[in-house]
C-alpha cells in the first residue's frame, strides 16, 4: 500500500522481511525509497505509537528523534484514550 505525506508518497510495508526492516519494530526511509516498514509483531497501543512515530518522520525528516518519540507517544496516548483500536 502507499500513503501520501506532505513530503511525498511512501510505500508502506506491514511485513519486516518484505520491507527489509532494519530496526526491531519499524523503519522509515525518507530518502531513497520513501518507505515505512512496521513489524507485524506489534500489537495494541505500541503499534499505534510506532505508526505515528514513523509517520512523523515522513512528515518532517529533520525533526529530532527525541521530539518525534515524545510527540508520537503523546498522540498515541490521546487516541488510545478516545478508544482508537485496530479492528
PDB file of N, CA and C in Angstrom:
ATOM      1  N   UNK A   1       0.838  -1.172   0.000  1.00  0.00           N
ATOM      2  CA  UNK A   1       0.000   0.000   0.000  1.00  0.00           C
ATOM      3  C   UNK A   1       0.883   1.235   0.000  1.00  0.00           C
ATOM      4  N   UNK A   2       0.313   2.353  -0.345  1.00  0.00           N
ATOM      5  CA  UNK A   2       1.039   3.626  -0.303  1.00  0.00           C
ATOM      6  C   UNK A   2       0.233   4.628   0.517  1.00  0.00           C
ATOM      7  N   UNK A   3       0.927   5.660   0.969  1.00  0.00           N
ATOM      8  CA  UNK A   3       0.265   6.743   1.694  1.00  0.00           C
ATOM      9  C   UNK A   3       0.984   8.041   1.348  1.00  0.00           C
ATOM     10  N   UNK A   4       0.196   9.090   1.123  1.00  0.00           N
ATOM     11  CA  UNK A   4       0.773  10.384   0.762  1.00  0.00           C
ATOM     12  C   UNK A   4       0.961  11.245   2.015  1.00  0.00           C
ATOM     13  N   UNK A   5       2.190  11.662   2.242  1.00  0.00           N
ATOM     14  CA  UNK A   5       2.535  12.608   3.290  1.00  0.00           C
ATOM     15  C   UNK A   5       2.884  13.932   2.617  1.00  0.00           C
ATOM     16  N   UNK A   6       3.108  14.970   3.392  1.00  0.00           N
ATOM     17  CA  UNK A   6       3.427  16.272   2.791  1.00  0.00           C
ATOM     18  C   UNK A   6       4.755  16.252   2.051  1.00  0.00           C
ATOM     19  N   UNK A   7       5.620  15.289   2.371  1.00  0.00           N
ATOM     20  CA  UNK A   7       6.930  15.191   1.716  1.00  0.00           C
ATOM     21  C   UNK A   7       6.918  14.254   0.508  1.00  0.00           C
ATOM     22  N   UNK A   8       5.787  13.632   0.230  1.00  0.00           N
ATOM     23  CA  UNK A   8       5.688  12.730  -0.918  1.00  0.00           C
ATOM     24  C   UNK A   8       4.954  11.451  -0.566  1.00  0.00           C
ATOM     25  N   UNK A   9       4.851  10.575  -1.538  1.00  0.00           N
ATOM     26  CA  UNK A   9       4.166   9.303  -1.365  1.00  0.00           C
ATOM     27  C   UNK A   9       5.157   8.245  -0.895  1.00  0.00           C
ATOM     28  N   UNK A  10       4.756   7.525   0.132  1.00  0.00           N
ATOM     29  CA  UNK A  10       5.587   6.481   0.734  1.00  0.00           C
ATOM     30  C   UNK A  10       4.949   5.114   0.512  1.00  0.00           C
ATOM     31  N   UNK A  11       5.764   4.133   0.291  1.00  0.00           N
ATOM     32  CA  UNK A  11       5.314   2.744   0.257  1.00  0.00           C
ATOM     33  C   UNK A  11       5.273   2.274   1.712  1.00  0.00           C
ATOM     34  N   UNK A  12       4.168   1.652   2.110  1.00  0.00           N
ATOM     35  CA  UNK A  12       4.009   1.181   3.478  1.00  0.00           C
ATOM     36  C   UNK A  12       4.072  -0.342   3.473  1.00  0.00           C
ATOM     37  N   UNK A  13       5.011  -0.865   4.243  1.00  0.00           N
ATOM     38  CA  UNK A  13       5.172  -2.311   4.379  1.00  0.00           C
ATOM     39  C   UNK A  13       4.716  -2.731   5.767  1.00  0.00           C
ATOM     40  N   UNK A  14       3.926  -3.795   5.828  1.00  0.00           N
ATOM     41  CA  UNK A  14       3.491  -4.334   7.115  1.00  0.00           C
ATOM     42  C   UNK A  14       4.204  -5.649   7.398  1.00  0.00           C
ATOM     43  N   UNK A  15       5.234  -5.936   6.644  1.00  0.00           N
ATOM     44  CA  UNK A  15       5.993  -7.178   6.808  1.00  0.00           C
ATOM     45  C   UNK A  15       7.464  -6.817   6.853  1.00  0.00           C
ATOM     46  N   UNK A  16       8.125  -7.139   7.962  1.00  0.00           N
ATOM     47  CA  UNK A  16       9.515  -6.721   8.136  1.00  0.00           C
ATOM     48  C   UNK A  16      10.460  -7.314   7.093  1.00  0.00           C
ATOM     49  N   UNK A  17      10.154  -8.480   6.556  1.00  0.00           N
ATOM     50  CA  UNK A  17      11.029  -9.066   5.539  1.00  0.00           C
ATOM     51  C   UNK A  17      10.804  -8.392   4.194  1.00  0.00           C
ATOM     52  N   UNK A  18       9.542  -8.199   3.830  1.00  0.00           N
ATOM     53  CA  UNK A  18       9.224  -7.528   2.565  1.00  0.00           C
ATOM     54  C   UNK A  18       9.843  -6.141   2.509  1.00  0.00           C
ATOM     55  N   UNK A  19       9.763  -5.385   3.631  1.00  0.00           N
ATOM     56  CA  UNK A  19      10.287  -4.027   3.665  1.00  0.00           C
ATOM     57  C   UNK A  19      11.716  -3.928   4.155  1.00  0.00           C
ATOM     58  N   UNK A  20      12.319  -5.067   4.491  1.00  0.00           N
ATOM     59  CA  UNK A  20      13.692  -5.105   4.992  1.00  0.00           C
ATOM     60  C   UNK A  20      13.893  -4.159   6.177  1.00  0.00           C
ATOM     61  N   UNK A  21      13.073  -4.345   7.193  1.00  0.00           N
ATOM     62  CA  UNK A  21      13.117  -3.519   8.399  1.00  0.00           C
ATOM     63  C   UNK A  21      14.485  -3.652   9.073  1.00  0.00           C
ATOM     64  N   UNK A  22      15.150  -2.534   9.299  1.00  0.00           N
ATOM     65  CA  UNK A  22      16.482  -2.570   9.902  1.00  0.00           C
ATOM     66  C   UNK A  22      16.449  -2.411  11.413  1.00  0.00           C
ATOM     67  N   UNK A  23      15.291  -2.112  11.968  1.00  0.00           N
ATOM     68  CA  UNK A  23      15.130  -1.976  13.410  1.00  0.00           C
ATOM     69  C   UNK A  23      14.125  -3.019  13.881  1.00  0.00           C
ATOM     70  N   UNK A  24      14.098  -3.345  15.170  1.00  0.00           N
ATOM     71  CA  UNK A  24      13.207  -4.403  15.651  1.00  0.00           C
ATOM     72  C   UNK A  24      11.727  -4.158  15.365  1.00  0.00           C
ATOM     73  N   UNK A  25      11.255  -2.907  15.501  1.00  0.00           N
ATOM     74  CA  UNK A  25       9.829  -2.628  15.367  1.00  0.00           C
ATOM     75  C   UNK A  25       9.425  -1.927  14.084  1.00  0.00           C
ATOM     76  N   UNK A  26      10.309  -1.082  13.566  1.00  0.00           N
ATOM     77  CA  UNK A  26       9.898  -0.251  12.430  1.00  0.00           C
ATOM     78  C   UNK A  26      11.096   0.435  11.791  1.00  0.00           C
ATOM     79  N   UNK A  27      10.813   1.067  10.651  1.00  0.00           N
ATOM     80  CA  UNK A  27      11.840   1.833   9.958  1.00  0.00           C
ATOM     81  C   UNK A  27      11.159   2.824   9.035  1.00  0.00           C
ATOM     82  N   UNK A  28      11.760   3.990   8.885  1.00  0.00           N
ATOM     83  CA  UNK A  28      11.269   4.977   7.932  1.00  0.00           C
ATOM     84  C   UNK A  28      12.453   5.402   7.068  1.00  0.00           C
ATOM     85  N   UNK A  29      12.353   5.130   5.776  1.00  0.00           N
ATOM     86  CA  UNK A  29      13.388   5.548   4.819  1.00  0.00           C
ATOM     87  C   UNK A  29      12.830   6.748   4.067  1.00  0.00           C
ATOM     88  N   UNK A  30      13.174   7.950   4.554  1.00  0.00           N
ATOM     89  CA  UNK A  30      12.623   9.144   3.924  1.00  0.00           C
ATOM     90  C   UNK A  30      13.496   9.668   2.790  1.00  0.00           C
ATOM     91  N   UNK A  31      14.596   9.000   2.507  1.00  0.00           N
ATOM     92  CA  UNK A  31      15.493   9.495   1.470  1.00  0.00           C
ATOM     93  C   UNK A  31      15.354   8.731   0.153  1.00  0.00           C
ATOM     94  N   UNK A  32      15.920   7.566   0.059  1.00  0.00           N
ATOM     95  CA  UNK A  32      15.986   6.843  -1.211  1.00  0.00           C
ATOM     96  C   UNK A  32      14.640   6.259  -1.642  1.00  0.00           C
ATOM     97  N   UNK A  33      14.131   5.329  -0.877  1.00  0.00           N
ATOM     98  CA  UNK A  33      12.941   4.593  -1.307  1.00  0.00           C
ATOM     99  C   UNK A  33      11.628   5.232  -0.876  1.00  0.00           C
ATOM    100  N   UNK A  34      11.671   6.098   0.120  1.00  0.00           N
ATOM    101  CA  UNK A  34      10.448   6.654   0.715  1.00  0.00           C
ATOM    102  C   UNK A  34       9.514   5.515   1.114  1.00  0.00           C
ATOM    103  N   UNK A  35       9.904   4.839   2.167  1.00  0.00           N
ATOM    104  CA  UNK A  35       9.103   3.715   2.636  1.00  0.00           C
ATOM    105  C   UNK A  35       9.051   3.701   4.160  1.00  0.00           C
ATOM    106  N   UNK A  36       7.993   3.101   4.663  1.00  0.00           N
ATOM    107  CA  UNK A  36       7.833   2.866   6.094  1.00  0.00           C
ATOM    108  C   UNK A  36       7.553   1.388   6.259  1.00  0.00           C
ATOM    109  N   UNK A  37       8.267   0.754   7.172  1.00  0.00           N
ATOM    110  CA  UNK A  37       8.051  -0.657   7.473  1.00  0.00           C
ATOM    111  C   UNK A  37       7.637  -0.781   8.930  1.00  0.00           C
ATOM    112  N   UNK A  38       6.529  -1.474   9.164  1.00  0.00           N
ATOM    113  CA  UNK A  38       6.021  -1.712  10.509  1.00  0.00           C
ATOM    114  C   UNK A  38       6.035  -3.219  10.751  1.00  0.00           C
ATOM    115  N   UNK A  39       6.655  -3.643  11.837  1.00  0.00           N
ATOM    116  CA  UNK A  39       6.731  -5.062  12.148  1.00  0.00           C
ATOM    117  C   UNK A  39       5.340  -5.640  12.391  1.00  0.00           C
ATOM    118  N   UNK A  40       5.046  -6.800  11.809  1.00  0.00           N
ATOM    119  CA  UNK A  40       3.748  -7.439  12.045  1.00  0.00           C
ATOM    120  C   UNK A  40       3.613  -7.970  13.476  1.00  0.00           C
ATOM    121  N   UNK A  41       4.699  -7.972  14.223  1.00  0.00           N
ATOM    122  CA  UNK A  41       4.668  -8.451  15.610  1.00  0.00           C
ATOM    123  C   UNK A  41       4.068  -7.422  16.569  1.00  0.00           C
ATOM    124  N   UNK A  42       3.998  -6.160  16.147  1.00  0.00           N
ATOM    125  CA  UNK A  42       3.486  -5.108  17.022  1.00  0.00           C
ATOM    126  C   UNK A  42       1.978  -5.231  17.195  1.00  0.00           C
ATOM    127  N   UNK A  43       1.525  -4.933  18.397  1.00  0.00           N
ATOM    128  CA  UNK A  43       0.102  -5.006  18.707  1.00  0.00           C
ATOM    129  C   UNK A  43      -0.302  -3.828  19.590  1.00  0.00           C
ATOM    130  N   UNK A  44      -1.575  -3.534  19.604  1.00  0.00           N
ATOM    131  CA  UNK A  44      -2.156  -2.587  20.540  1.00  0.00           C
ATOM    132  C   UNK A  44      -1.588  -1.187  20.494  1.00  0.00           C
ATOM    133  N   UNK A  45      -1.457  -0.613  21.692  1.00  0.00           N
ATOM    134  CA  UNK A  45      -1.008   0.772  21.825  1.00  0.00           C
ATOM    135  C   UNK A  45       0.404   0.971  21.288  1.00  0.00           C
ATOM    136  N   UNK A  46       1.268  -0.020  21.443  1.00  0.00           N
ATOM    137  CA  UNK A  46       2.643   0.090  20.931  1.00  0.00           C
ATOM    138  C   UNK A  46       2.632   0.233  19.407  1.00  0.00           C
ATOM    139  N   UNK A  47       1.779  -0.533  18.732  1.00  0.00           N
ATOM    140  CA  UNK A  47       1.686  -0.445  17.275  1.00  0.00           C
ATOM    141  C   UNK A  47       1.212   0.945  16.851  1.00  0.00           C
ATOM    142  N   UNK A  48       0.188   1.471  17.544  1.00  0.00           N
ATOM    143  CA  UNK A  48      -0.314   2.813  17.247  1.00  0.00           C
ATOM    144  C   UNK A  48       0.796   3.837  17.410  1.00  0.00           C
ATOM    145  N   UNK A  49       1.546   3.746  18.499  1.00  0.00           N
ATOM    146  CA  UNK A  49       2.653   4.661  18.776  1.00  0.00           C
ATOM    147  C   UNK A  49       3.702   4.602  17.662  1.00  0.00           C
ATOM    148  N   UNK A  50       4.051   3.400  17.241  1.00  0.00           N
ATOM    149  CA  UNK A  50       5.092   3.229  16.215  1.00  0.00           C
ATOM    150  C   UNK A  50       4.625   3.769  14.859  1.00  0.00           C
ATOM    151  N   UNK A  51       3.380   3.534  14.498  1.00  0.00           N
ATOM    152  CA  UNK A  51       2.858   4.056  13.227  1.00  0.00           C
ATOM    153  C   UNK A  51       2.894   5.580  13.229  1.00  0.00           C
ATOM    154  N   UNK A  52       2.478   6.184  14.321  1.00  0.00           N
ATOM    155  CA  UNK A  52       2.529   7.648  14.425  1.00  0.00           C
ATOM    156  C   UNK A  52       3.975   8.127  14.380  1.00  0.00           C
ATOM    157  N   UNK A  53       4.857   7.445  15.102  1.00  0.00           N
ATOM    158  CA  UNK A  53       6.283   7.798  15.134  1.00  0.00           C
ATOM    159  C   UNK A  53       6.873   7.846  13.723  1.00  0.00           C
ATOM    160  N   UNK A  54       6.671   6.778  12.969  1.00  0.00           N
ATOM    161  CA  UNK A  54       7.251   6.729  11.618  1.00  0.00           C
ATOM    162  C   UNK A  54       6.570   7.721  10.685  1.00  0.00           C
ATOM    163  N   UNK A  55       5.288   7.973  10.901  1.00  0.00           N
ATOM    164  CA  UNK A  55       4.581   8.980  10.096  1.00  0.00           C
ATOM    165  C   UNK A  55       5.136  10.379  10.346  1.00  0.00           C
ATOM    166  N   UNK A  56       5.477  10.673  11.590  1.00  0.00           N
ATOM    167  CA  UNK A  56       6.075  11.972  11.898  1.00  0.00           C
ATOM    168  C   UNK A  56       7.440  12.121  11.233  1.00  0.00           C
ATOM    169  N   UNK A  57       8.208  11.041  11.186  1.00  0.00           N
ATOM    170  CA  UNK A  57       9.487  11.093  10.453  1.00  0.00           C
ATOM    171  C   UNK A  57       9.242  11.397   8.975  1.00  0.00           C
ATOM    172  N   UNK A  58       8.220  10.791   8.404  1.00  0.00           N
ATOM    173  CA  UNK A  58       7.913  11.028   6.985  1.00  0.00           C
ATOM    174  C   UNK A  58       7.466  12.472   6.762  1.00  0.00           C
ATOM    175  N   UNK A  59       6.693  13.007   7.694  1.00  0.00           N
ATOM    176  CA  UNK A  59       6.226  14.393   7.567  1.00  0.00           C
ATOM    177  C   UNK A  59       7.354  15.403   7.734  1.00  0.00           C
ATOM    178  N   UNK A  60       8.276  15.122   8.638  1.00  0.00           N
ATOM    179  CA  UNK A  60       9.377  16.056   8.890  1.00  0.00           C
ATOM    180  C   UNK A  60      10.680  15.290   9.127  1.00  0.00           C
ATOM    181  N   UNK A  61      11.396  14.963   8.054  1.00  0.00           N
ATOM    182  CA  UNK A  61      12.647  14.217   8.179  1.00  0.00           C
ATOM    183  C   UNK A  61      13.712  14.921   9.026  1.00  0.00           C
ATOM    184  N   UNK A  62      13.569  16.217   9.244  1.00  0.00           N
ATOM    185  CA  UNK A  62      14.563  16.972  10.020  1.00  0.00           C
ATOM    186  C   UNK A  62      14.250  17.030  11.514  1.00  0.00           C
ATOM    187  N   UNK A  63      13.094  16.530  11.913  1.00  0.00           N
ATOM    188  CA  UNK A  63      12.729  16.550  13.336  1.00  0.00           C
ATOM    189  C   UNK A  63      13.671  15.637  14.116  1.00  0.00           C
ATOM    190  N   UNK A  64      13.971  16.035  15.328  1.00  0.00           N
ATOM    191  CA  UNK A  64      14.869  15.212  16.150  1.00  0.00           C
ATOM    192  C   UNK A  64      14.146  13.941  16.596  1.00  0.00           C
ATOM    193  N   UNK A  65      14.928  12.919  16.859  1.00  0.00           N
ATOM    194  CA  UNK A  65      14.364  11.650  17.329  1.00  0.00           C
ATOM    195  C   UNK A  65      13.648  11.845  18.666  1.00  0.00           C
ATOM    196  N   UNK A  66      14.205  12.667  19.518  1.00  0.00           N
ATOM    197  CA  UNK A  66      13.588  12.930  20.820  1.00  0.00           C
ATOM    198  C   UNK A  66      12.201  13.564  20.646  1.00  0.00           C
ATOM    199  N   UNK A  67      12.100  14.572  19.757  1.00  0.00           N
ATOM    200  CA  UNK A  67      10.816  15.223  19.531  1.00  0.00           C
ATOM    201  C   UNK A  67       9.807  14.240  18.938  1.00  0.00           C
ATOM    202  N   UNK A  68      10.226  13.489  17.925  1.00  0.00           N
ATOM    203  CA  UNK A  68       9.338  12.519  17.279  1.00  0.00           C
ATOM    204  C   UNK A  68       8.852  11.485  18.290  1.00  0.00           C
ATOM    205  N   UNK A  69       9.752  10.982  19.101  1.00  0.00           N
ATOM    206  CA  UNK A  69       9.395   9.963  20.085  1.00  0.00           C
ATOM    207  C   UNK A  69       8.371  10.488  21.094  1.00  0.00           C
ATOM    208  N   UNK A  70       8.626  11.680  21.613  1.00  0.00           N
ATOM    209  CA  UNK A  70       7.709  12.281  22.589  1.00  0.00           C
ATOM    210  C   UNK A  70       6.357  12.598  21.961  1.00  0.00           C
ATOM    211  N   UNK A  71       6.369  13.214  20.782  1.00  0.00           N
ATOM    212  CA  UNK A  71       5.119  13.585  20.119  1.00  0.00           C
ATOM    213  C   UNK A  71       4.290  12.352  19.776  1.00  0.00           C
ATOM    214  N   UNK A  72       4.916  11.322  19.260  1.00  0.00           N
ATOM    215  CA  UNK A  72       4.195  10.103  18.894  1.00  0.00           C
ATOM    216  C   UNK A  72       3.549   9.454  20.110  1.00  0.00           C
ATOM    217  N   UNK A  73       4.280   9.379  21.199  1.00  0.00           N
ATOM    218  CA  UNK A  73       3.743   8.773  22.423  1.00  0.00           C
ATOM    219  C   UNK A  73       2.576   9.595  22.967  1.00  0.00           C
ATOM    220  N   UNK A  74       2.696  10.919  22.922  1.00  0.00           N
ATOM    221  CA  UNK A  74       1.611  11.783  23.391  1.00  0.00           C
ATOM    222  C   UNK A  74       0.363  11.637  22.529  1.00  0.00           C
ATOM    223  N   UNK A  75       0.522  11.619  21.218  1.00  0.00           N
ATOM    224  CA  UNK A  75      -0.618  11.482  20.309  1.00  0.00           C
ATOM    225  C   UNK A  75      -1.252  10.100  20.446  1.00  0.00           C
ATOM    226  N   UNK A  76      -0.424   9.068  20.510  1.00  0.00           N
ATOM    227  CA  UNK A  76      -0.942   7.700  20.663  1.00  0.00           C
ATOM    228  C   UNK A  76      -1.726   7.566  21.963  1.00  0.00           C
ATOM    229  N   UNK A  77      -1.224   8.172  23.028  1.00  0.00           N
ATOM    230  CA  UNK A  77      -1.923   8.120  24.310  1.00  0.00           C
ATOM    231  C   UNK A  77      -3.301   8.757  24.241  1.00  0.00           C
ATOM    232  N   UNK A  78      -3.402   9.892  23.579  1.00  0.00           N
ATOM    233  CA  UNK A  78      -4.693  10.566  23.437  1.00  0.00           C
ATOM    234  C   UNK A  78      -5.656   9.734  22.586  1.00  0.00           C
ATOM    235  N   UNK A  79      -5.177   9.244  21.440  1.00  0.00           N
ATOM    236  CA  UNK A  79      -6.037   8.426  20.581  1.00  0.00           C
ATOM    237  C   UNK A  79      -6.493   7.159  21.301  1.00  0.00           C
ATOM    238  N   UNK A  80      -5.601   6.561  22.085  1.00  0.00           N
ATOM    239  CA  UNK A  80      -5.945   5.356  22.846  1.00  0.00           C
ATOM    240  C   UNK A  80      -7.059   5.660  23.852  1.00  0.00           C
ATOM    241  N   UNK A  81      -6.955   6.813  24.533  1.00  0.00           N
ATOM    242  CA  UNK A  81      -7.982   7.218  25.495  1.00  0.00           C
ATOM    243  C   UNK A  81      -9.331   7.449  24.818  1.00  0.00           C
ATOM    244  N   UNK A  82      -9.304   7.840  23.537  1.00  0.00           N
ATOM    245  CA  UNK A  82     -10.540   8.022  22.774  1.00  0.00           C
ATOM    246  C   UNK A  82     -11.079   6.716  22.211  1.00  0.00           C
ATOM    247  N   UNK A  83     -10.354   5.637  22.445  1.00  0.00           N
ATOM    248  CA  UNK A  83     -10.848   4.318  22.041  1.00  0.00           C
ATOM    249  C   UNK A  83     -10.399   3.835  20.679  1.00  0.00           C
ATOM    250  N   UNK A  84      -9.404   4.478  20.078  1.00  0.00           N
ATOM    251  CA  UNK A  84      -8.929   4.008  18.776  1.00  0.00           C
ATOM    252  C   UNK A  84      -8.192   2.691  18.940  1.00  0.00           C
ATOM    253  N   UNK A  85      -8.694   1.679  18.233  1.00  0.00           N
ATOM    254  CA  UNK A  85      -8.120   0.336  18.276  1.00  0.00           C
ATOM    255  C   UNK A  85      -8.133  -0.242  16.864  1.00  0.00           C
ATOM    256  N   UNK A  86      -7.232  -1.170  16.627  1.00  0.00           N
ATOM    257  CA  UNK A  86      -7.201  -1.867  15.344  1.00  0.00           C
ATOM    258  C   UNK A  86      -8.350  -2.872  15.296  1.00  0.00           C
ATOM    259  N   UNK A  87      -9.009  -2.941  14.153  1.00  0.00           N
ATOM    260  CA  UNK A  87     -10.129  -3.898  14.004  1.00  0.00           C
ATOM    261  C   UNK A  87      -9.636  -5.244  13.595  1.00  0.00           C
TER     262      UNK A  87
END
